[in-house]
Amino acid sequence: MQPQEWIRLAPTAAVLVMLGICGGCHRKPTPVATPADVAAAQQEAQHEVEQAQVEARKDVKSAAKVMGVDSTDVARARVTGAFDLAMAHADGDHKVAIEKCMTLEPSAQQSCKDKADIDYQSAVAKAKAIRVSQQQ
């Protein structure tokens, strides 16, 4: 390409580059998560809760078999199982809530995540308080 052709094409090229840059600035960002991601998080949370239930039952049966149905070990296994189940619910609910937040517009995501975190902390505190009250 000769210098005279380049000088003639340079303004056109500059305009095209500017349009490309400006056009990209005004695009609406797509959400990070989709409803399918939320459904997957719900399914995973349900699976974790089911696993916690199975583990709790196994622990209680094992304690009853070794120490007898009325032993303190069985009572402790029940309390621990209930706590583990409550924590599985709290973890699952938190993960689902965060996924839901990620489907929102970026401007609304942080406040949604903050609420999800507060709800999670509240559920954890409640589970711990119930465990302590049942251990006494």
C-alpha atoms as a PDB file:
ATOM      1  CA  MET A   1       0.000   0.000   0.000  1.00  0.00           C
ATOM      2  CA  GLN A   2       1.366   3.371  -0.940  1.00  0.00           C
ATOM      3  CA  PRO A   3       1.525   6.250   1.560  1.00  0.00           C
ATOM      4  CA  GLN A   4      -1.127   8.254  -0.340  1.00  0.00           C
ATOM      5  CA  GLU A   5      -3.630   5.369  -0.104  1.00  0.00           C
ATOM      6  CA  TRP A   6      -2.892   4.920   3.600  1.00  0.00           C
ATOM      7  CA  ILE A   7      -3.504   8.611   4.297  1.00  0.00           C
ATOM      8  CA  ARG A   8      -6.835   8.380   2.485  1.00  0.00           C
ATOM      9  CA  LEU A   9      -7.906   5.218   4.394  1.00  0.00           C
ATOM     10  CA  ALA A  10      -6.642   6.244   7.848  1.00  0.00           C
ATOM     11  CA  PRO A  11      -9.658   8.424   8.777  1.00  0.00           C
ATOM     12  CA  THR A  12     -12.072   5.664   7.753  1.00  0.00           C
ATOM     13  CA  ALA A  13     -10.135   3.103   9.764  1.00  0.00           C
ATOM     14  CA  ALA A  14     -10.079   5.427  12.785  1.00  0.00           C
ATOM     15  CA  VAL A  15     -13.855   5.916  12.575  1.00  0.00           C
ATOM     16  CA  LEU A  16     -14.428   2.151  12.402  1.00  0.00           C
ATOM     17  CA  VAL A  17     -12.190   1.552  15.413  1.00  0.00           C
ATOM     18  CA  MET A  18     -14.014   4.250  17.415  1.00  0.00           C
ATOM     19  CA  LEU A  19     -17.409   2.796  16.489  1.00  0.00           C
ATOM     20  CA  GLY A  20     -16.230  -0.622  17.614  1.00  0.00           C
ATOM     21  CA  ILE A  21     -14.994   0.735  20.924  1.00  0.00           C
ATOM     22  CA  CYS A  22     -18.088   2.840  21.599  1.00  0.00           C
ATOM     23  CA  GLY A  23     -20.452   0.126  20.439  1.00  0.00           C
ATOM     24  CA  GLY A  24     -18.971  -2.257  22.980  1.00  0.00           C
ATOM     25  CA  CYS A  25     -19.467   0.228  25.801  1.00  0.00           C
ATOM     26  CA  HIS A  26     -23.223   0.387  25.432  1.00  0.00           C
ATOM     27  CA  ARG A  27     -23.920  -3.309  25.381  1.00  0.00           C
ATOM     28  CA  LYS A  28     -25.972  -4.650  28.224  1.00  0.00           C
ATOM     29  CA  PRO A  29     -23.899  -7.178  30.163  1.00  0.00           C
ATOM     30  CA  THR A  30     -25.403 -10.615  30.351  1.00  0.00           C
ATOM     31  CA  PRO A  31     -26.034 -12.169  33.762  1.00  0.00           C
ATOM     32  CA  VAL A  32     -23.327 -14.498  34.992  1.00  0.00           C
ATOM     33  CA  ALA A  33     -25.740 -17.261  36.020  1.00  0.00           C
ATOM     34  CA  THR A  34     -28.782 -18.690  34.291  1.00  0.00           C
ATOM     35  CA  PRO A  35     -31.966 -20.322  35.594  1.00  0.00           C
ATOM     36  CA  ALA A  36     -30.350 -23.657  34.736  1.00  0.00           C
ATOM     37  CA  ASP A  37     -27.510 -22.802  37.131  1.00  0.00           C
ATOM     38  CA  VAL A  38     -30.050 -22.059  39.859  1.00  0.00           C
ATOM     39  CA  ALA A  39     -31.795 -25.376  39.216  1.00  0.00           C
ATOM     40  CA  ALA A  40     -28.461 -27.194  39.385  1.00  0.00           C
ATOM     41  CA  ALA A  41     -27.658 -25.495  42.697  1.00  0.00           C
ATOM     42  CA  GLN A  42     -31.066 -26.518  44.051  1.00  0.00           C
ATOM     43  CA  GLN A  43     -30.499 -30.104  42.982  1.00  0.00           C
ATOM     44  CA  GLU A  44     -27.032 -30.168  44.549  1.00  0.00           C
ATOM     45  CA  ALA A  45     -28.388 -28.664  47.774  1.00  0.00           C
ATOM     46  CA  GLN A  46     -31.119 -31.302  47.946  1.00  0.00           C
ATOM     47  CA  HIS A  47     -28.521 -34.026  47.412  1.00  0.00           C
ATOM     48  CA  GLU A  48     -26.374 -32.667  50.254  1.00  0.00           C
ATOM     49  CA  VAL A  49     -29.382 -32.598  52.589  1.00  0.00           C
ATOM     50  CA  GLU A  50     -30.238 -36.185  51.679  1.00  0.00           C
ATOM     51  CA  GLN A  51     -26.637 -37.232  52.371  1.00  0.00           C
ATOM     52  CA  ALA A  52     -26.749 -35.513  55.761  1.00  0.00           C
ATOM     53  CA  GLN A  53     -29.967 -37.381  56.590  1.00  0.00           C
ATOM     54  CA  VAL A  54     -28.435 -40.719  55.651  1.00  0.00           C
ATOM     55  CA  GLU A  55     -25.300 -40.024  57.688  1.00  0.00           C
ATOM     56  CA  ALA A  56     -27.338 -38.929  60.708  1.00  0.00           C
ATOM     57  CA  ARG A  57     -29.424 -42.123  60.597  1.00  0.00           C
ATOM     58  CA  LYS A  58     -26.274 -44.261  60.297  1.00  0.00           C
ATOM     59  CA  ASP A  59     -24.644 -42.534  63.261  1.00  0.00           C
ATOM     60  CA  VAL A  60     -27.717 -42.979  65.467  1.00  0.00           C
ATOM     61  CA  LYS A  61     -28.083 -46.655  64.482  1.00  0.00           C
ATOM     62  CA  SER A  62     -24.407 -47.276  65.121  1.00  0.00           C
ATOM     63  CA  ALA A  63     -24.524 -45.633  68.546  1.00  0.00           C
ATOM     64  CA  ALA A  64     -27.686 -47.544  69.451  1.00  0.00           C
ATOM     65  CA  LYS A  65     -26.150 -50.830  68.362  1.00  0.00           C
ATOM     66  CA  VAL A  66     -22.951 -50.314  70.352  1.00  0.00           C
ATOM     67  CA  MET A  67     -24.198 -48.493  73.450  1.00  0.00           C
ATOM     68  CA  GLY A  68     -27.934 -49.237  73.630  1.00  0.00           C
ATOM     69  CA  VAL A  69     -30.933 -47.155  72.613  1.00  0.00           C
ATOM     70  CA  ASP A  70     -31.062 -45.085  75.809  1.00  0.00           C
ATOM     71  CA  SER A  71     -27.368 -44.176  75.962  1.00  0.00           C
ATOM     72  CA  THR A  72     -25.985 -40.657  75.964  1.00  0.00           C
ATOM     73  CA  ASP A  73     -24.053 -41.551  72.812  1.00  0.00           C
ATOM     74  CA  VAL A  74     -27.329 -42.046  70.956  1.00  0.00           C
ATOM     75  CA  ALA A  75     -28.616 -38.711  72.247  1.00  0.00           C
ATOM     76  CA  ARG A  76     -25.353 -37.058  71.198  1.00  0.00           C
ATOM     77  CA  ALA A  77     -25.584 -38.688  67.750  1.00  0.00           C
ATOM     78  CA  ARG A  78     -29.133 -37.355  67.346  1.00  0.00           C
ATOM     79  CA  VAL A  79     -28.080 -33.829  68.314  1.00  0.00           C
ATOM     80  CA  THR A  80     -25.068 -33.954  66.006  1.00  0.00           C
ATOM     81  CA  GLY A  81     -27.171 -35.355  63.174  1.00  0.00           C
ATOM     82  CA  ALA A  82     -29.767 -32.617  63.600  1.00  0.00           C
ATOM     83  CA  PHE A  83     -27.006 -30.001  63.592  1.00  0.00           C
ATOM     84  CA  ASP A  84     -25.380 -31.477  60.475  1.00  0.00           C
ATOM     85  CA  LEU A  85     -28.749 -31.531  58.747  1.00  0.00           C
ATOM     86  CA  ALA A  86     -29.446 -27.914  59.681  1.00  0.00           C
ATOM     87  CA  MET A  87     -26.016 -26.926  58.371  1.00  0.00           C
ATOM     88  CA  ALA A  88     -26.627 -28.805  55.105  1.00  0.00           C
ATOM     89  CA  HIS A  89     -29.890 -26.879  54.712  1.00  0.00           C
ATOM     90  CA  ALA A  90     -28.148 -23.581  55.474  1.00  0.00           C
ATOM     91  CA  ASP A  91     -25.289 -24.286  53.053  1.00  0.00           C
ATOM     92  CA  GLY A  92     -27.643 -25.382  50.299  1.00  0.00           C
ATOM     93  CA  ASP A  93     -29.977 -22.440  50.756  1.00  0.00           C
ATOM     94  CA  HIS A  94     -26.997 -20.078  50.669  1.00  0.00           C
ATOM     95  CA  LYS A  95     -25.607 -21.577  47.464  1.00  0.00           C
ATOM     96  CA  VAL A  96     -29.011 -21.362  45.773  1.00  0.00           C
ATOM     97  CA  ALA A  97     -29.509 -17.785  46.937  1.00  0.00           C
ATOM     98  CA  ILE A  98     -26.094 -16.764  45.583  1.00  0.00           C
ATOM     99  CA  GLU A  99     -26.884 -18.389  42.223  1.00  0.00           C
ATOM    100  CA  LYS A 100     -30.164 -16.478  42.133  1.00  0.00           C
ATOM    101  CA  CYS A 101     -28.278 -13.273  42.867  1.00  0.00           C
ATOM    102  CA  MET A 102     -25.993 -13.946  39.928  1.00  0.00           C
ATOM    103  CA  THR A 103     -28.996 -13.933  37.575  1.00  0.00           C
ATOM    104  CA  LEU A 104     -29.778 -10.330  38.526  1.00  0.00           C
ATOM    105  CA  GLU A 105     -28.436  -7.182  36.955  1.00  0.00           C
ATOM    106  CA  PRO A 106     -24.923  -6.360  38.177  1.00  0.00           C
ATOM    107  CA  SER A 107     -26.172  -3.329  40.102  1.00  0.00           C
ATOM    108  CA  ALA A 108     -28.504  -5.517  42.203  1.00  0.00           C
ATOM    109  CA  GLN A 109     -26.150  -8.456  42.745  1.00  0.00           C
ATOM    110  CA  GLN A 110     -24.137  -7.153  45.693  1.00  0.00           C
ATOM    111  CA  SER A 111     -27.117  -6.247  47.866  1.00  0.00           C
ATOM    112  CA  CYS A 112     -28.669  -9.623  47.039  1.00  0.00           C
ATOM    113  CA  LYS A 113     -25.462 -11.436  48.013  1.00  0.00           C
ATOM    114  CA  ASP A 114     -25.262  -9.424  51.227  1.00  0.00           C
ATOM    115  CA  LYS A 115     -28.793 -10.506  52.159  1.00  0.00           C
ATOM    116  CA  ALA A 116     -27.962 -14.124  51.311  1.00  0.00           C
ATOM    117  CA  ASP A 117     -24.886 -13.931  53.551  1.00  0.00           C
ATOM    118  CA  ILE A 118     -26.908 -12.468  56.420  1.00  0.00           C
ATOM    119  CA  ASP A 119     -29.556 -15.180  56.040  1.00  0.00           C
ATOM    120  CA  TYR A 120     -26.822 -17.831  56.027  1.00  0.00           C
ATOM    121  CA  GLN A 121     -25.167 -16.433  59.151  1.00  0.00           C
ATOM    122  CA  SER A 122     -28.541 -16.362  60.869  1.00  0.00           C
ATOM    123  CA  ALA A 123     -29.269 -19.992  59.958  1.00  0.00           C
ATOM    124  CA  VAL A 124     -25.832 -21.080  61.201  1.00  0.00           C
ATOM    125  CA  ALA A 125     -26.282 -19.205  64.474  1.00  0.00           C
ATOM    126  CA  LYS A 126     -29.715 -20.781  64.955  1.00  0.00           C
ATOM    127  CA  ALA A 127     -28.350 -24.286  64.276  1.00  0.00           C
ATOM    128  CA  LYS A 128     -25.528 -23.744  66.764  1.00  0.00           C
ATOM    129  CA  ALA A 129     -27.911 -22.397  69.410  1.00  0.00           C
ATOM    130  CA  ILE A 130     -30.228 -25.380  69.018  1.00  0.00           C
ATOM    131  CA  ARG A 131     -27.272 -27.776  69.275  1.00  0.00           C
ATOM    132  CA  VAL A 132     -26.058 -26.124  72.475  1.00  0.00           C
ATOM    133  CA  SER A 133     -29.531 -26.151  74.043  1.00  0.00           C
ATOM    134  CA  GLN A 134     -30.016 -29.837  73.195  1.00  0.00           C
ATOM    135  CA  GLN A 135     -26.625 -30.847  74.593  1.00  0.00           C
ATOM    136  CA  GLN A 136     -27.519 -29.586  78.068  1.00  0.00           C
END
